[in-house]
């Protein structure tokens, strides 16, 4: 059959965001101030995820920023996330994922799980409590 299939980067970001939430030890996605500004109005579940063309035609490079749950081994969480993202994106889209880069921006206690995406300017819940008093 003639024709082609093109999967948008927005769809890939959505897949990556869903995948990241399922990896044990990932507290939340994170985003820089710039990413928050550029993605204003975008789905919170995809902030901090960047999809770029890979070195080969039809391949993708994925960068994502995360916050790791306190007490979890960062290298293990990052490697599990890399493996999971690559596997799920390739299976769902048919695209080759050339690399998955994970940037760990913070570590948080699981009891603070009130913000699904945390930017650099966001306050921790302990800071909010101090201001309220």
Protein backbone atom coordinates (compact mmCIF):
# COMPACT_ATOMS: atom_id res chain seq x y z
CA UNK A 1 0.00 0.00 0.00
CA UNK A 2 1.23 3.49 -0.83
CA UNK A 3 1.50 6.22 1.75
CA UNK A 4 3.32 6.66 5.00
CA UNK A 5 2.89 6.97 8.69
CA UNK A 6 4.27 9.91 10.63
CA UNK A 7 4.14 10.03 14.41
CA UNK A 8 4.32 13.56 15.81
CA UNK A 9 6.77 14.53 18.52
CA UNK A 10 3.77 15.45 20.68
CA UNK A 11 2.60 11.83 20.57
CA UNK A 12 6.10 10.60 21.41
CA UNK A 13 6.25 13.02 24.37
CA UNK A 14 2.92 11.71 25.61
CA UNK A 15 4.16 8.12 25.40
CA UNK A 16 7.36 9.05 27.25
CA UNK A 17 5.42 10.89 29.97
CA UNK A 18 3.12 7.93 30.56
CA UNK A 19 6.07 5.56 30.58
CA UNK A 20 8.02 7.72 33.08
CA UNK A 21 5.13 7.71 35.56
CA UNK A 22 5.21 3.90 35.60
CA UNK A 23 8.92 3.51 36.39
CA UNK A 24 9.52 2.86 40.11
CA UNK A 25 11.54 5.61 41.76
CA UNK A 26 10.47 8.41 39.41
CA UNK A 27 8.84 11.01 41.65
CA UNK A 28 7.82 13.39 38.85
CA UNK A 29 8.85 14.95 35.59
CA UNK A 30 10.77 18.18 35.97
CA UNK A 31 11.26 21.19 33.72
CA UNK A 32 13.60 24.14 33.51
CA UNK A 33 12.20 27.68 33.64
CA UNK A 34 12.77 27.92 29.89
CA UNK A 35 10.88 24.66 29.22
CA UNK A 36 8.02 25.83 31.43
CA UNK A 37 7.84 29.11 29.51
CA UNK A 38 8.07 27.50 26.05
CA UNK A 39 5.55 24.78 26.92
CA UNK A 40 3.05 27.11 28.62
CA UNK A 41 -0.39 25.73 27.89
CA UNK A 42 0.98 22.32 26.95
CA UNK A 43 0.10 19.15 28.80
CA UNK A 44 1.80 19.06 32.19
CA UNK A 45 2.60 15.38 31.60
CA UNK A 46 4.98 16.25 28.75
CA UNK A 47 6.92 19.18 30.22
CA UNK A 48 10.59 18.42 30.63
CA UNK A 49 10.54 16.00 27.68
CA UNK A 50 12.34 16.93 24.47
CA UNK A 51 12.26 14.89 21.27
CA UNK A 52 14.83 15.58 18.55
CA UNK A 53 15.84 13.83 15.33
CA UNK A 54 18.44 11.13 15.89
CA UNK A 55 21.63 10.67 13.87
CA UNK A 56 19.95 8.30 11.39
CA UNK A 57 16.87 9.02 9.30
CA UNK A 58 13.73 7.94 11.15
CA UNK A 59 15.48 7.82 14.53
CA UNK A 60 14.78 9.97 17.58
CA UNK A 61 16.78 11.28 20.51
CA UNK A 62 14.79 11.75 23.70
CA UNK A 63 15.84 13.97 26.63
CA UNK A 64 13.84 14.03 29.82
CA UNK A 65 14.21 15.73 33.17
CA UNK A 66 13.05 13.95 36.29
CA UNK A 67 12.90 14.12 40.05
CA UNK A 68 13.81 10.88 41.81
CA UNK A 69 12.03 9.58 44.88
CA UNK A 70 14.11 9.91 48.07
CA UNK A 71 15.99 6.73 48.96
CA UNK A 72 15.93 5.28 45.45
CA UNK A 73 19.27 4.53 43.72
CA UNK A 74 19.54 7.23 41.06
CA UNK A 75 21.59 5.19 38.54
CA UNK A 76 19.13 2.29 38.74
CA UNK A 77 16.08 4.55 38.33
CA UNK A 78 17.69 6.36 35.36
CA UNK A 79 18.75 3.11 33.64
CA UNK A 80 15.30 1.55 34.13
CA UNK A 81 13.73 4.71 32.71
CA UNK A 82 16.06 4.72 29.70
CA UNK A 83 15.35 1.07 28.96
CA UNK A 84 11.60 1.43 29.41
CA UNK A 85 11.29 4.60 27.30
CA UNK A 86 13.33 3.13 24.44
CA UNK A 87 11.37 -0.14 24.45
CA UNK A 88 7.90 1.42 24.69
CA UNK A 89 8.49 4.21 22.13
CA UNK A 90 10.00 1.80 19.61
CA UNK A 91 7.20 -0.72 20.10
CA UNK A 92 4.39 1.85 19.87
CA UNK A 93 5.76 3.99 17.02
CA UNK A 94 8.03 1.73 15.00
CA UNK A 95 10.73 4.42 15.21
CA UNK A 96 14.31 3.77 16.26
CA UNK A 97 15.28 5.52 19.49
CA UNK A 98 18.99 6.27 19.20
CA UNK A 99 19.41 7.61 22.74
CA UNK A 100 17.48 8.43 25.88
CA UNK A 101 19.16 11.04 28.07
CA UNK A 102 17.92 11.37 31.64
CA UNK A 103 18.68 14.51 33.66
CA UNK A 104 18.00 14.19 37.39
CA UNK A 105 17.09 17.64 38.73
CA UNK A 106 16.13 16.82 42.31
CA UNK A 107 15.30 14.18 44.90
CA UNK A 108 12.01 14.37 46.82
CA UNK A 109 10.32 12.45 49.59
CA UNK A 110 7.36 10.41 48.36
CA UNK A 111 5.14 12.21 50.87
CA UNK A 112 5.53 15.42 48.84
CA UNK A 113 3.81 13.90 45.78
CA UNK A 114 1.36 16.77 45.33
CA UNK A 115 2.83 18.37 42.19
CA UNK A 116 2.88 16.22 39.01
CA UNK A 117 5.46 18.46 37.29
CA UNK A 118 7.89 20.62 39.21
CA UNK A 119 9.82 23.49 37.63
CA UNK A 120 12.87 25.19 39.02
CA UNK A 121 10.79 28.02 40.42
CA UNK A 122 8.28 25.75 42.19
CA UNK A 123 8.35 25.74 45.95
CA UNK A 124 8.61 22.59 47.99
CA UNK A 125 5.69 21.77 50.25
CA UNK A 126 7.86 22.48 53.30
CA UNK A 127 8.51 26.03 52.05
CA UNK A 128 4.77 26.54 51.47
CA UNK A 129 4.01 25.37 55.00
CA UNK A 130 6.54 27.81 56.48
CA UNK A 131 5.01 30.70 54.53
CA UNK A 132 1.52 29.75 55.70
CA UNK A 133 2.54 30.00 59.36
